[in-house]
């Protein structure tokens, strides 16, 4: 107890010595805190630089992947069917609007039975196309014809796939194709585009 009283008395009589020690301790603690803060900031900057590098790499990869996808899409087979109405008959053409050749393909035609006279024929004449089946399309009985062509169809080229002698006024017709790149359209059927005059230079399909 006397020792405690003595220390208290010394502190009250000599406060500057204790204040000096406290100031020194505070300065050391502040320096240590500043060093720790500086280390944390450096660590965060290093992490941010790493994240920035990773984001740049991911952006580069995504850009390259998008470019590859565009190239692959441009090199896909893209078939479509249209028809030319002449005074006595209708001729179907299959065109390749894609960026890659097709070795062979199937063309499915759905034609109202009442407008067909004497059946459907390959190309501009040739052999008779066998009827695959019949079905109702928008309330109209349609004949379904499946035409297989082993004609190599290059991009921007087209080929005559079928024709028929018409009976009366034309009604809506539909189509779909099957090639190495799959079915087009992917779902359902596409209506046949009707054109007034034949495109010169189209070849007959080799069946």
Protein backbone atom coordinates (compact mmCIF):
# COMPACT_ATOMS: atom_id res chain seq x y z
CA UNK A 1 0.00 0.00 0.00
CA UNK A 2 2.77 2.52 0.80
CA UNK A 3 4.39 1.64 -2.59
CA UNK A 4 1.20 2.42 -4.45
CA UNK A 5 0.80 5.68 -2.65
CA UNK A 6 4.39 6.49 -3.44
CA UNK A 7 3.95 5.81 -7.18
CA UNK A 8 0.81 7.89 -7.27
CA UNK A 9 2.59 10.72 -5.51
CA UNK A 10 5.52 10.48 -7.94
CA UNK A 11 3.15 10.58 -10.92
CA UNK A 12 1.39 13.66 -9.54
CA UNK A 13 4.69 15.40 -8.86
CA UNK A 14 6.47 14.30 -12.12
CA UNK A 15 3.73 13.95 -14.82
CA UNK A 16 6.03 14.81 -17.75
CA UNK A 17 7.95 11.53 -17.52
CA UNK A 18 4.78 9.43 -17.88
CA UNK A 19 3.41 11.65 -20.63
CA UNK A 20 6.65 11.22 -22.55
CA UNK A 21 6.40 7.43 -22.32
CA UNK A 22 2.75 7.51 -23.39
CA UNK A 23 3.59 9.76 -26.33
CA UNK A 24 6.36 7.38 -27.41
CA UNK A 25 4.04 4.39 -27.14
CA UNK A 26 1.39 6.21 -29.14
CA UNK A 27 3.91 7.14 -31.84
CA UNK A 28 5.12 3.52 -32.12
CA UNK A 29 1.54 2.27 -32.28
CA UNK A 30 0.67 4.85 -34.96
CA UNK A 31 3.75 3.83 -36.98
CA UNK A 32 2.83 0.16 -36.76
CA UNK A 33 -0.76 0.97 -37.78
CA UNK A 34 0.48 3.04 -40.74
CA UNK A 35 2.75 0.17 -41.84
CA UNK A 36 -0.11 -2.31 -41.58
CA UNK A 37 -2.43 0.02 -43.51
CA UNK A 38 0.18 0.53 -46.21
CA UNK A 39 0.66 -3.24 -46.54
CA UNK A 40 -3.10 -3.73 -46.83
CA UNK A 41 -3.32 -1.04 -49.53
CA UNK A 42 -0.48 -2.65 -51.48
CA UNK A 43 -2.19 -6.02 -51.16
CA UNK A 44 -5.48 -4.60 -52.41
CA UNK A 45 -3.75 -2.92 -55.35
CA UNK A 46 -2.08 -6.22 -56.25
CA UNK A 47 -5.45 -8.00 -56.09
CA UNK A 48 -7.07 -5.29 -58.24
CA UNK A 49 -4.31 -5.57 -60.85
CA UNK A 50 -4.80 -9.35 -60.92
CA UNK A 51 -8.55 -8.95 -61.30
CA UNK A 52 -8.06 -6.40 -64.09
CA UNK A 53 -5.71 -8.79 -65.91
CA UNK A 54 -8.23 -11.63 -65.56
CA UNK A 55 -11.06 -9.44 -66.84
CA UNK A 56 -8.96 -8.40 -69.84
CA UNK A 57 -8.17 -12.05 -70.57
CA UNK A 58 -11.85 -12.99 -70.27
CA UNK A 59 -12.80 -10.13 -72.60
CA UNK A 60 -10.21 -11.30 -75.13
CA UNK A 61 -11.52 -14.89 -74.92
CA UNK A 62 -15.15 -13.76 -75.31
CA UNK A 63 -14.23 -11.59 -78.31
CA UNK A 64 -12.41 -14.49 -79.95
CA UNK A 65 -15.34 -16.81 -79.21
CA UNK A 66 -17.83 -14.36 -80.73
CA UNK A 67 -15.68 -14.06 -83.82
CA UNK A 68 -15.47 -17.85 -84.10
CA UNK A 69 -19.25 -18.12 -83.72
CA UNK A 70 -19.74 -15.55 -86.49
CA UNK A 71 -17.41 -17.50 -88.76
CA UNK A 72 -19.18 -20.79 -88.01
CA UNK A 73 -22.62 -19.24 -88.55
CA UNK A 74 -21.46 -17.70 -91.81
CA UNK A 75 -20.32 -21.14 -92.96
CA UNK A 76 -23.60 -22.88 -92.25
CA UNK A 77 -25.86 -24.30 -94.92
CA UNK A 78 -28.98 -22.17 -95.33
CA UNK A 79 -31.55 -23.58 -97.74
CA UNK A 80 -34.84 -22.09 -98.79
CA UNK A 81 -37.46 -23.07 -101.36
CA UNK A 82 -39.41 -20.85 -103.72
CA UNK A 83 -41.67 -21.52 -106.72
CA UNK A 84 -42.08 -19.96 -110.14
CA UNK A 85 -45.53 -19.91 -111.70
CA UNK A 86 -45.57 -20.40 -115.44
CA UNK A 87 -48.71 -20.39 -117.61
CA UNK A 88 -49.21 -24.14 -117.32
CA UNK A 89 -47.04 -25.37 -114.48
CA UNK A 90 -45.24 -24.52 -111.26
CA UNK A 91 -41.49 -25.13 -110.80
CA UNK A 92 -39.86 -25.39 -107.36
CA UNK A 93 -36.31 -24.19 -106.73
CA UNK A 94 -34.07 -24.81 -103.73
CA UNK A 95 -31.42 -22.13 -103.12
CA UNK A 96 -28.41 -22.14 -100.79
CA UNK A 97 -28.10 -18.74 -99.08
CA UNK A 98 -25.51 -20.00 -96.58
CA UNK A 99 -21.72 -20.00 -96.58
CA UNK A 100 -21.08 -23.73 -97.02
CA UNK A 101 -21.81 -26.31 -99.71
CA UNK A 102 -24.27 -29.10 -99.06
CA UNK A 103 -23.43 -32.54 -100.45
CA UNK A 104 -27.07 -33.63 -100.46
CA UNK A 105 -30.39 -32.65 -98.97
CA UNK A 106 -34.06 -33.54 -98.62
CA UNK A 107 -36.77 -31.17 -99.77
CA UNK A 108 -40.27 -31.71 -98.36
CA UNK A 109 -43.12 -30.10 -100.31
CA UNK A 110 -46.71 -29.77 -99.09
CA UNK A 111 -49.00 -28.98 -102.03
CA UNK A 112 -52.82 -28.77 -102.04
CA UNK A 113 -54.06 -31.88 -103.83
CA UNK A 114 -56.73 -29.99 -105.80
CA UNK A 115 -54.22 -27.84 -107.71
CA UNK A 116 -52.07 -30.76 -108.90
CA UNK A 117 -52.72 -32.20 -112.34
CA UNK A 118 -50.95 -35.42 -113.37
CA UNK A 119 -48.76 -35.59 -110.26
CA UNK A 120 -45.43 -34.02 -109.26
CA UNK A 121 -42.18 -34.54 -111.18
CA UNK A 122 -38.50 -34.16 -110.38
CA UNK A 123 -36.63 -31.12 -111.68
CA UNK A 124 -38.03 -29.76 -114.94
CA UNK A 125 -39.49 -33.11 -115.93
CA UNK A 126 -37.73 -36.39 -115.34
CA UNK A 127 -39.17 -39.04 -113.08
CA UNK A 128 -42.41 -38.97 -111.17
CA UNK A 129 -42.22 -38.11 -107.43
CA UNK A 130 -43.97 -40.65 -105.24
CA UNK A 131 -46.56 -39.34 -102.80
CA UNK A 132 -45.29 -39.68 -99.21
CA UNK A 133 -48.57 -39.01 -97.41
CA UNK A 134 -51.46 -36.54 -97.19
CA UNK A 135 -52.48 -34.21 -94.38
CA UNK A 136 -54.72 -31.27 -93.61
CA UNK A 137 -53.02 -27.84 -93.78
CA UNK A 138 -55.20 -24.88 -92.77
CA UNK A 139 -58.30 -26.86 -93.67
CA UNK A 140 -56.96 -27.91 -97.10
CA UNK A 141 -55.94 -31.47 -98.01
CA UNK A 142 -52.26 -31.34 -99.00
CA UNK A 143 -50.02 -33.94 -100.59
CA UNK A 144 -46.63 -34.38 -98.96
CA UNK A 145 -43.71 -35.13 -101.31
CA UNK A 146 -40.22 -35.99 -100.04
CA UNK A 147 -37.54 -35.26 -102.63
CA UNK A 148 -33.99 -36.47 -102.00
CA UNK A 149 -31.23 -34.73 -103.96
CA UNK A 150 -27.58 -35.77 -104.08
CA UNK A 151 -26.83 -32.60 -106.03
CA UNK A 152 -23.94 -30.61 -104.49
CA UNK A 153 -25.44 -27.21 -103.90
CA UNK A 154 -22.84 -24.45 -103.48
CA UNK A 155 -23.47 -21.11 -101.72
CA UNK A 156 -25.42 -18.58 -103.83
CA UNK A 157 -26.50 -21.37 -106.21
CA UNK A 158 -29.94 -22.91 -106.70
CA UNK A 159 -31.40 -26.02 -108.27
CA UNK A 160 -34.76 -27.08 -109.69
CA UNK A 161 -36.21 -29.74 -107.42
CA UNK A 162 -39.75 -30.39 -108.69
CA UNK A 163 -42.60 -29.23 -110.87
CA UNK A 164 -46.24 -29.96 -111.49
CA UNK A 165 -48.89 -29.01 -114.00
CA UNK A 166 -51.38 -26.82 -112.22
CA UNK A 167 -55.12 -27.22 -112.14
CA UNK A 168 -56.94 -23.99 -111.39
CA UNK A 169 -55.73 -21.18 -109.20
CA UNK A 170 -52.79 -21.72 -106.90
CA UNK A 171 -53.31 -22.14 -103.16
CA UNK A 172 -50.74 -21.70 -100.37
CA UNK A 173 -47.95 -24.30 -100.34
CA UNK A 174 -45.32 -25.13 -97.70
CA UNK A 175 -41.82 -26.57 -97.48
CA UNK A 176 -39.00 -27.69 -95.21
CA UNK A 177 -35.49 -29.00 -95.94
CA UNK A 178 -33.09 -31.39 -94.24
CA UNK A 179 -29.32 -31.09 -94.76
CA UNK A 180 -26.06 -31.74 -92.91
CA UNK A 181 -26.79 -28.70 -90.74
CA UNK A 182 -30.21 -29.95 -89.67
CA UNK A 183 -33.84 -29.16 -90.40
CA UNK A 184 -34.99 -25.79 -91.75
CA UNK A 185 -37.13 -24.34 -90.40
CA UNK A 186 -36.34 -25.84 -86.99
CA UNK A 187 -40.06 -25.95 -86.13
CA UNK A 188 -43.12 -26.11 -88.33
CA UNK A 189 -43.12 -25.33 -92.05
CA UNK A 190 -42.34 -22.31 -94.18
CA UNK A 191 -44.74 -21.01 -96.85
CA UNK A 192 -43.48 -21.29 -100.41
CA UNK A 193 -42.54 -17.91 -101.85
CA UNK A 194 -44.14 -17.52 -105.28
CA UNK A 195 -42.21 -15.65 -107.97
CA UNK A 196 -43.43 -14.53 -111.37
CA UNK A 197 -40.50 -15.57 -113.56
CA UNK A 198 -37.85 -18.28 -113.40
CA UNK A 199 -34.30 -17.36 -112.47
CA UNK A 200 -32.05 -18.15 -115.46
CA UNK A 201 -29.11 -20.47 -114.96
CA UNK A 202 -30.60 -22.78 -112.35
CA UNK A 203 -29.75 -26.43 -112.91
CA UNK A 204 -31.86 -29.53 -112.49
CA UNK A 205 -31.14 -31.57 -109.40
CA UNK A 206 -29.43 -34.93 -109.81
CA UNK A 207 -31.75 -37.47 -108.17
